[in-house]
PDB file of all heavy atoms in Angstrom:
ATOM      1  N   LEU A   1      29.999   5.481 -80.342  1.00  0.00           N
ATOM      2  CA  LEU A   1      30.828   6.048 -81.386  1.00  0.00           C
ATOM      3  C   LEU A   1      30.610   5.415 -82.763  1.00  0.00           C
ATOM      4  O   LEU A   1      30.754   6.072 -83.785  1.00  0.00           O
ATOM      5  CB  LEU A   1      32.306   5.917 -81.041  1.00  0.00           C
ATOM      6  CG  LEU A   1      32.755   6.707 -79.823  1.00  0.00           C
ATOM      7  CD1 LEU A   1      34.241   6.433 -79.544  1.00  0.00           C
ATOM      8  CD2 LEU A   1      32.524   8.193 -79.985  1.00  0.00           C
ATOM      9  N   VAL A   2      30.258   4.133 -82.761  1.00  0.00           N
ATOM     10  CA  VAL A   2      30.051   3.404 -84.007  1.00  0.00           C
ATOM     11  C   VAL A   2      28.655   2.765 -83.969  1.00  0.00           C
ATOM     12  O   VAL A   2      28.258   2.181 -82.965  1.00  0.00           O
ATOM     13  CB  VAL A   2      31.109   2.285 -84.209  1.00  0.00           C
ATOM     14  CG1 VAL A   2      30.817   1.477 -85.472  1.00  0.00           C
ATOM     15  CG2 VAL A   2      32.522   2.902 -84.284  1.00  0.00           C
ATOM     16  N   SER A   3      27.976   2.906 -85.067  1.00  0.00           N
ATOM     17  CA  SER A   3      26.683   2.297 -85.210  1.00  0.00           C
ATOM     18  C   SER A   3      26.810   1.180 -86.257  1.00  0.00           C
ATOM     19  O   SER A   3      27.362   1.405 -87.347  1.00  0.00           O
ATOM     20  CB  SER A   3      25.645   3.317 -85.653  1.00  0.00           C
ATOM     21  OG  SER A   3      24.387   2.719 -85.646  1.00  0.00           O
ATOM     22  N   VAL A   4      26.355  -0.003 -85.910  1.00  0.00           N
ATOM     23  CA  VAL A   4      26.353  -1.150 -86.831  1.00  0.00           C
ATOM     24  C   VAL A   4      24.918  -1.423 -87.181  1.00  0.00           C
ATOM     25  O   VAL A   4      24.101  -1.740 -86.317  1.00  0.00           O
ATOM     26  CB  VAL A   4      27.024  -2.390 -86.188  1.00  0.00           C
ATOM     27  CG1 VAL A   4      26.986  -3.571 -87.138  1.00  0.00           C
ATOM     28  CG2 VAL A   4      28.469  -2.042 -85.774  1.00  0.00           C
ATOM     29  N   ILE A   5      24.601  -1.293 -88.449  1.00  0.00           N
ATOM     30  CA  ILE A   5      23.215  -1.529 -88.884  1.00  0.00           C
ATOM     31  C   ILE A   5      23.210  -2.527 -90.023  1.00  0.00           C
ATOM     32  O   ILE A   5      24.095  -2.505 -90.878  1.00  0.00           O
ATOM     33  CB  ILE A   5      22.520  -0.190 -89.301  1.00  0.00           C
ATOM     34  CG1 ILE A   5      21.102  -0.411 -89.737  1.00  0.00           C
ATOM     35  CG2 ILE A   5      23.331   0.537 -90.368  1.00  0.00           C
ATOM     36  CD1 ILE A   5      20.279   0.824 -89.906  1.00  0.00           C
ATOM     37  N   MET A   6      22.272  -3.449 -89.954  1.00  0.00           N
ATOM     38  CA  MET A   6      22.200  -4.467 -91.004  1.00  0.00           C
ATOM     39  C   MET A   6      20.777  -4.517 -91.511  1.00  0.00           C
ATOM     40  O   MET A   6      19.829  -4.111 -90.811  1.00  0.00           O
ATOM     41  CB  MET A   6      22.636  -5.824 -90.455  1.00  0.00           C
ATOM     42  CG  MET A   6      21.868  -6.291 -89.256  1.00  0.00           C
ATOM     43  SD  MET A   6      22.814  -7.488 -88.268  1.00  0.00           S
ATOM     44  CE  MET A   6      23.777  -6.366 -87.273  1.00  0.00           C
ATOM     45  N   GLY A   7      20.625  -4.981 -92.727  1.00  0.00           N
ATOM     46  CA  GLY A   7      19.342  -5.028 -93.369  1.00  0.00           C
ATOM     47  C   GLY A   7      18.415  -6.080 -92.839  1.00  0.00           C
ATOM     48  O   GLY A   7      17.194  -5.992 -92.980  1.00  0.00           O
ATOM     49  N   SER A   8      18.965  -7.092 -92.154  1.00  0.00           N
ATOM     50  CA  SER A   8      18.149  -8.181 -91.670  1.00  0.00           C
ATOM     51  C   SER A   8      18.889  -8.838 -90.492  1.00  0.00           C
ATOM     52  O   SER A   8      20.111  -8.841 -90.437  1.00  0.00           O
ATOM     53  CB  SER A   8      17.958  -9.233 -92.757  1.00  0.00           C
ATOM     54  OG  SER A   8      17.424 -10.408 -92.254  1.00  0.00           O
ATOM     55  N   LYS A   9      18.113  -9.414 -89.543  1.00  0.00           N
ATOM     56  CA  LYS A   9      18.731 -10.156 -88.438  1.00  0.00           C
ATOM     57  C   LYS A   9      19.577 -11.301 -88.956  1.00  0.00           C
ATOM     58  O   LYS A   9      20.533 -11.711 -88.278  1.00  0.00           O
ATOM     59  CB  LYS A   9      17.616 -10.638 -87.507  1.00  0.00           C
ATOM     60  CG  LYS A   9      18.141 -11.266 -86.264  1.00  0.00           C
ATOM     61  CD  LYS A   9      16.971 -11.710 -85.365  1.00  0.00           C
ATOM     62  CE  LYS A   9      17.507 -12.468 -84.169  1.00  0.00           C
ATOM     63  NZ  LYS A   9      16.390 -13.024 -83.364  1.00  0.00           N
ATOM     64  N   SER A  10      19.264 -11.818 -90.116  1.00  0.00           N
ATOM     65  CA  SER A  10      20.039 -12.943 -90.677  1.00  0.00           C
ATOM     66  C   SER A  10      21.491 -12.561 -90.997  1.00  0.00           C
ATOM     67  O   SER A  10      22.329 -13.404 -91.204  1.00  0.00           O
ATOM     68  CB  SER A  10      19.343 -13.495 -91.913  1.00  0.00           C
ATOM     69  OG  SER A  10      19.345 -12.540 -92.961  1.00  0.00           O
ATOM     70  N   ASP A  11      21.771 -11.248 -91.056  1.00  0.00           N
ATOM     71  CA  ASP A  11      23.122 -10.771 -91.283  1.00  0.00           C
ATOM     72  C   ASP A  11      23.992 -10.787 -90.033  1.00  0.00           C
ATOM     73  O   ASP A  11      25.211 -10.623 -90.100  1.00  0.00           O
ATOM     74  CB  ASP A  11      23.119  -9.339 -91.854  1.00  0.00           C
ATOM     75  CG  ASP A  11      22.371  -9.226 -93.172  1.00  0.00           C
ATOM     76  OD1 ASP A  11      22.364 -10.232 -93.905  1.00  0.00           O
ATOM     77  OD2 ASP A  11      21.832  -8.129 -93.436  1.00  0.00           O
ATOM     78  N   LEU A  12      23.378 -10.987 -88.864  1.00  0.00           N
ATOM     79  CA  LEU A  12      24.101 -10.898 -87.617  1.00  0.00           C
ATOM     80  C   LEU A  12      25.260 -11.889 -87.491  1.00  0.00           C
ATOM     81  O   LEU A  12      26.341 -11.483 -86.995  1.00  0.00           O
ATOM     82  CB  LEU A  12      23.123 -11.061 -86.415  1.00  0.00           C
ATOM     83  CG  LEU A  12      23.705 -10.822 -85.047  1.00  0.00           C
ATOM     84  CD1 LEU A  12      24.307  -9.408 -84.939  1.00  0.00           C
ATOM     85  CD2 LEU A  12      22.590 -10.991 -83.978  1.00  0.00           C
ATOM     86  N   PRO A  13      25.144 -13.137 -87.920  1.00  0.00           N
ATOM     87  CA  PRO A  13      26.311 -14.020 -87.794  1.00  0.00           C
ATOM     88  C   PRO A  13      27.570 -13.471 -88.497  1.00  0.00           C
ATOM     89  O   PRO A  13      28.662 -13.604 -87.965  1.00  0.00           O
ATOM     90  CB  PRO A  13      25.856 -15.330 -88.468  1.00  0.00           C
ATOM     91  CG  PRO A  13      24.376 -15.346 -88.273  1.00  0.00           C
ATOM     92  CD  PRO A  13      23.965 -13.888 -88.411  1.00  0.00           C
ATOM     93  N   VAL A  14      27.410 -12.841 -89.643  1.00  0.00           N
ATOM     94  CA  VAL A  14      28.549 -12.233 -90.327  1.00  0.00           C
ATOM     95  C   VAL A  14      29.022 -11.023 -89.560  1.00  0.00           C
ATOM     96  O   VAL A  14      30.201 -10.793 -89.341  1.00  0.00           O
ATOM     97  CB  VAL A  14      28.200 -11.824 -91.776  1.00  0.00           C
ATOM     98  CG1 VAL A  14      29.289 -10.972 -92.388  1.00  0.00           C
ATOM     99  CG2 VAL A  14      27.974 -13.075 -92.641  1.00  0.00           C
ATOM    100  N   MET A  15      28.055 -10.175 -89.105  1.00  0.00           N
ATOM    101  CA  MET A  15      28.414  -8.920 -88.460  1.00  0.00           C
ATOM    102  C   MET A  15      28.974  -9.102 -87.047  1.00  0.00           C
ATOM    103  O   MET A  15      29.571  -8.165 -86.492  1.00  0.00           O
ATOM    104  CB  MET A  15      27.201  -8.016 -88.450  1.00  0.00           C
ATOM    105  CG  MET A  15      26.766  -7.571 -89.862  1.00  0.00           C
ATOM    106  SD  MET A  15      28.135  -6.992 -90.893  1.00  0.00           S
ATOM    107  CE  MET A  15      28.524  -5.485 -90.013  1.00  0.00           C
ATOM    108  N   GLU A  16      28.835 -10.284 -86.477  1.00  0.00           N
ATOM    109  CA  GLU A  16      29.433 -10.565 -85.144  1.00  0.00           C
ATOM    110  C   GLU A  16      30.930 -10.292 -85.190  1.00  0.00           C
ATOM    111  O   GLU A  16      31.530  -9.878 -84.168  1.00  0.00           O
ATOM    112  CB  GLU A  16      29.145 -11.984 -84.682  1.00  0.00           C
ATOM    113  CG  GLU A  16      27.757 -12.203 -84.106  1.00  0.00           C
ATOM    114  CD  GLU A  16      27.496 -11.503 -82.801  1.00  0.00           C
ATOM    115  OE1 GLU A  16      28.464 -11.003 -82.144  1.00  0.00           O
ATOM    116  OE2 GLU A  16      26.353 -11.418 -82.398  1.00  0.00           O
ATOM    117  N   ARG A  17      31.572 -10.529 -86.311  1.00  0.00           N
ATOM    118  CA  ARG A  17      33.027 -10.287 -86.406  1.00  0.00           C
ATOM    119  C   ARG A  17      33.336  -8.806 -86.238  1.00  0.00           C
ATOM    120  O   ARG A  17      34.344  -8.447 -85.649  1.00  0.00           O
ATOM    121  CB  ARG A  17      33.533 -10.818 -87.731  1.00  0.00           C
ATOM    122  CG  ARG A  17      33.559 -12.337 -87.753  1.00  0.00           C
ATOM    123  CD  ARG A  17      33.993 -12.897 -89.088  1.00  0.00           C
ATOM    124  NE  ARG A  17      32.820 -13.645 -89.577  1.00  0.00           N
ATOM    125  CZ  ARG A  17      32.507 -13.877 -90.835  1.00  0.00           C
ATOM    126  NH1 ARG A  17      33.283 -13.407 -91.775  1.00  0.00           N
ATOM    127  NH2 ARG A  17      31.471 -14.555 -91.149  1.00  0.00           N
ATOM    128  N   ALA A  18      32.484  -7.939 -86.735  1.00  0.00           N
ATOM    129  CA  ALA A  18      32.671  -6.498 -86.524  1.00  0.00           C
ATOM    130  C   ALA A  18      32.424  -6.133 -85.054  1.00  0.00           C
ATOM    131  O   ALA A  18      33.213  -5.405 -84.491  1.00  0.00           O
ATOM    132  CB  ALA A  18      31.706  -5.710 -87.395  1.00  0.00           C
ATOM    133  N   LEU A  19      31.421  -6.713 -84.473  1.00  0.00           N
ATOM    134  CA  LEU A  19      31.080  -6.443 -83.078  1.00  0.00           C
ATOM    135  C   LEU A  19      32.254  -6.901 -82.163  1.00  0.00           C
ATOM    136  O   LEU A  19      32.635  -6.191 -81.242  1.00  0.00           O
ATOM    137  CB  LEU A  19      29.791  -7.080 -82.681  1.00  0.00           C
ATOM    138  CG  LEU A  19      28.582  -6.754 -83.537  1.00  0.00           C
ATOM    139  CD1 LEU A  19      27.326  -7.440 -83.022  1.00  0.00           C
ATOM    140  CD2 LEU A  19      28.364  -5.258 -83.659  1.00  0.00           C
ATOM    141  N   ASP A  20      32.767  -8.097 -82.432  1.00  0.00           N
ATOM    142  CA  ASP A  20      33.902  -8.611 -81.659  1.00  0.00           C
ATOM    143  C   ASP A  20      35.137  -7.717 -81.765  1.00  0.00           C
ATOM    144  O   ASP A  20      35.832  -7.462 -80.795  1.00  0.00           O
ATOM    145  CB  ASP A  20      34.258 -10.035 -82.138  1.00  0.00           C
ATOM    146  CG  ASP A  20      33.220 -11.076 -81.771  1.00  0.00           C
ATOM    147  OD1 ASP A  20      32.342 -10.788 -80.909  1.00  0.00           O
ATOM    148  OD2 ASP A  20      33.236 -12.184 -82.354  1.00  0.00           O
ATOM    149  N   THR A  21      35.386  -7.235 -82.989  1.00  0.00           N
ATOM    150  CA  THR A  21      36.522  -6.345 -83.208  1.00  0.00           C
ATOM    151  C   THR A  21      36.327  -5.024 -82.437  1.00  0.00           C
ATOM    152  O   THR A  21      37.265  -4.545 -81.779  1.00  0.00           O
ATOM    153  CB  THR A  21      36.756  -6.103 -84.687  1.00  0.00           C
ATOM    154  OG1 THR A  21      36.954  -7.368 -85.361  1.00  0.00           O
ATOM    155  CG2 THR A  21      37.944  -5.198 -84.959  1.00  0.00           C
ATOM    156  N   LEU A  22      35.147  -4.465 -82.515  1.00  0.00           N
ATOM    157  CA  LEU A  22      34.901  -3.228 -81.794  1.00  0.00           C
ATOM    158  C   LEU A  22      35.043  -3.432 -80.289  1.00  0.00           C
ATOM    159  O   LEU A  22      35.625  -2.601 -79.590  1.00  0.00           O
ATOM    160  CB  LEU A  22      33.478  -2.690 -82.142  1.00  0.00           C
ATOM    161  CG  LEU A  22      33.318  -2.196 -83.589  1.00  0.00           C
ATOM    162  CD1 LEU A  22      31.830  -1.993 -83.881  1.00  0.00           C
ATOM    163  CD2 LEU A  22      34.136  -0.931 -83.845  1.00  0.00           C
ATOM    164  N   ARG A  23      34.498  -4.559 -79.834  1.00  0.00           N
ATOM    165  CA  ARG A  23      34.631  -4.874 -78.381  1.00  0.00           C
ATOM    166  C   ARG A  23      36.100  -4.957 -77.967  1.00  0.00           C
ATOM    167  O   ARG A  23      36.502  -4.493 -76.916  1.00  0.00           O
ATOM    168  CB  ARG A  23      33.910  -6.203 -78.056  1.00  0.00           C
ATOM    169  CG  ARG A  23      32.440  -6.090 -77.872  1.00  0.00           C
ATOM    170  CD  ARG A  23      31.858  -7.439 -77.426  1.00  0.00           C
ATOM    171  NE  ARG A  23      30.461  -7.466 -77.711  1.00  0.00           N
ATOM    172  CZ  ARG A  23      29.884  -8.145 -78.734  1.00  0.00           C
ATOM    173  NH1 ARG A  23      30.600  -8.902 -79.529  1.00  0.00           N
ATOM    174  NH2 ARG A  23      28.606  -8.077 -78.935  1.00  0.00           N
ATOM    175  N   SER A  24      36.919  -5.622 -78.781  1.00  0.00           N
ATOM    176  CA  SER A  24      38.316  -5.857 -78.433  1.00  0.00           C
ATOM    177  C   SER A  24      39.069  -4.540 -78.327  1.00  0.00           C
ATOM    178  O   SER A  24      40.081  -4.464 -77.614  1.00  0.00           O
ATOM    179  CB  SER A  24      38.990  -6.786 -79.432  1.00  0.00           C
ATOM    180  OG  SER A  24      39.227  -6.134 -80.677  1.00  0.00           O
ATOM    181  N   PHE A  25      38.620  -3.484 -78.992  1.00  0.00           N
ATOM    182  CA  PHE A  25      39.232  -2.171 -78.881  1.00  0.00           C
ATOM    183  C   PHE A  25      38.533  -1.277 -77.883  1.00  0.00           C
ATOM    184  O   PHE A  25      38.911  -0.115 -77.722  1.00  0.00           O
ATOM    185  CB  PHE A  25      39.273  -1.508 -80.261  1.00  0.00           C
ATOM    186  CG  PHE A  25      40.426  -1.942 -81.106  1.00  0.00           C
ATOM    187  CD1 PHE A  25      40.321  -3.066 -81.927  1.00  0.00           C
ATOM    188  CD2 PHE A  25      41.625  -1.246 -81.120  1.00  0.00           C
ATOM    189  CE1 PHE A  25      41.352  -3.484 -82.741  1.00  0.00           C
ATOM    190  CE2 PHE A  25      42.677  -1.659 -81.884  1.00  0.00           C
ATOM    191  CZ  PHE A  25      42.563  -2.777 -82.707  1.00  0.00           C
ATOM    192  N   GLY A  26      37.475  -1.785 -77.269  1.00  0.00           N
ATOM    193  CA  GLY A  26      36.715  -0.986 -76.294  1.00  0.00           C
ATOM    194  C   GLY A  26      35.885   0.148 -76.904  1.00  0.00           C
ATOM    195  O   GLY A  26      35.681   1.165 -76.256  1.00  0.00           O
ATOM    196  N   ILE A  27      35.493  -0.013 -78.125  1.00  0.00           N
ATOM    197  CA  ILE A  27      34.715   1.011 -78.819  1.00  0.00           C
ATOM    198  C   ILE A  27      33.250   0.830 -78.501  1.00  0.00           C
ATOM    199  O   ILE A  27      32.628  -0.215 -78.798  1.00  0.00           O
ATOM    200  CB  ILE A  27      34.913   0.915 -80.363  1.00  0.00           C
ATOM    201  CG1 ILE A  27      36.364   0.972 -80.756  1.00  0.00           C
ATOM    202  CG2 ILE A  27      34.085   1.983 -81.063  1.00  0.00           C
ATOM    203  CD1 ILE A  27      37.085   2.236 -80.429  1.00  0.00           C
TER     204      ILE A  27
END
């Protein structure tokens, strides 16, 4: 349902917070 795209793998540490939030809602 949601696609998370980042310009570089180096953005992943910041984007983990989005992934954790999506996981917590079962998205």
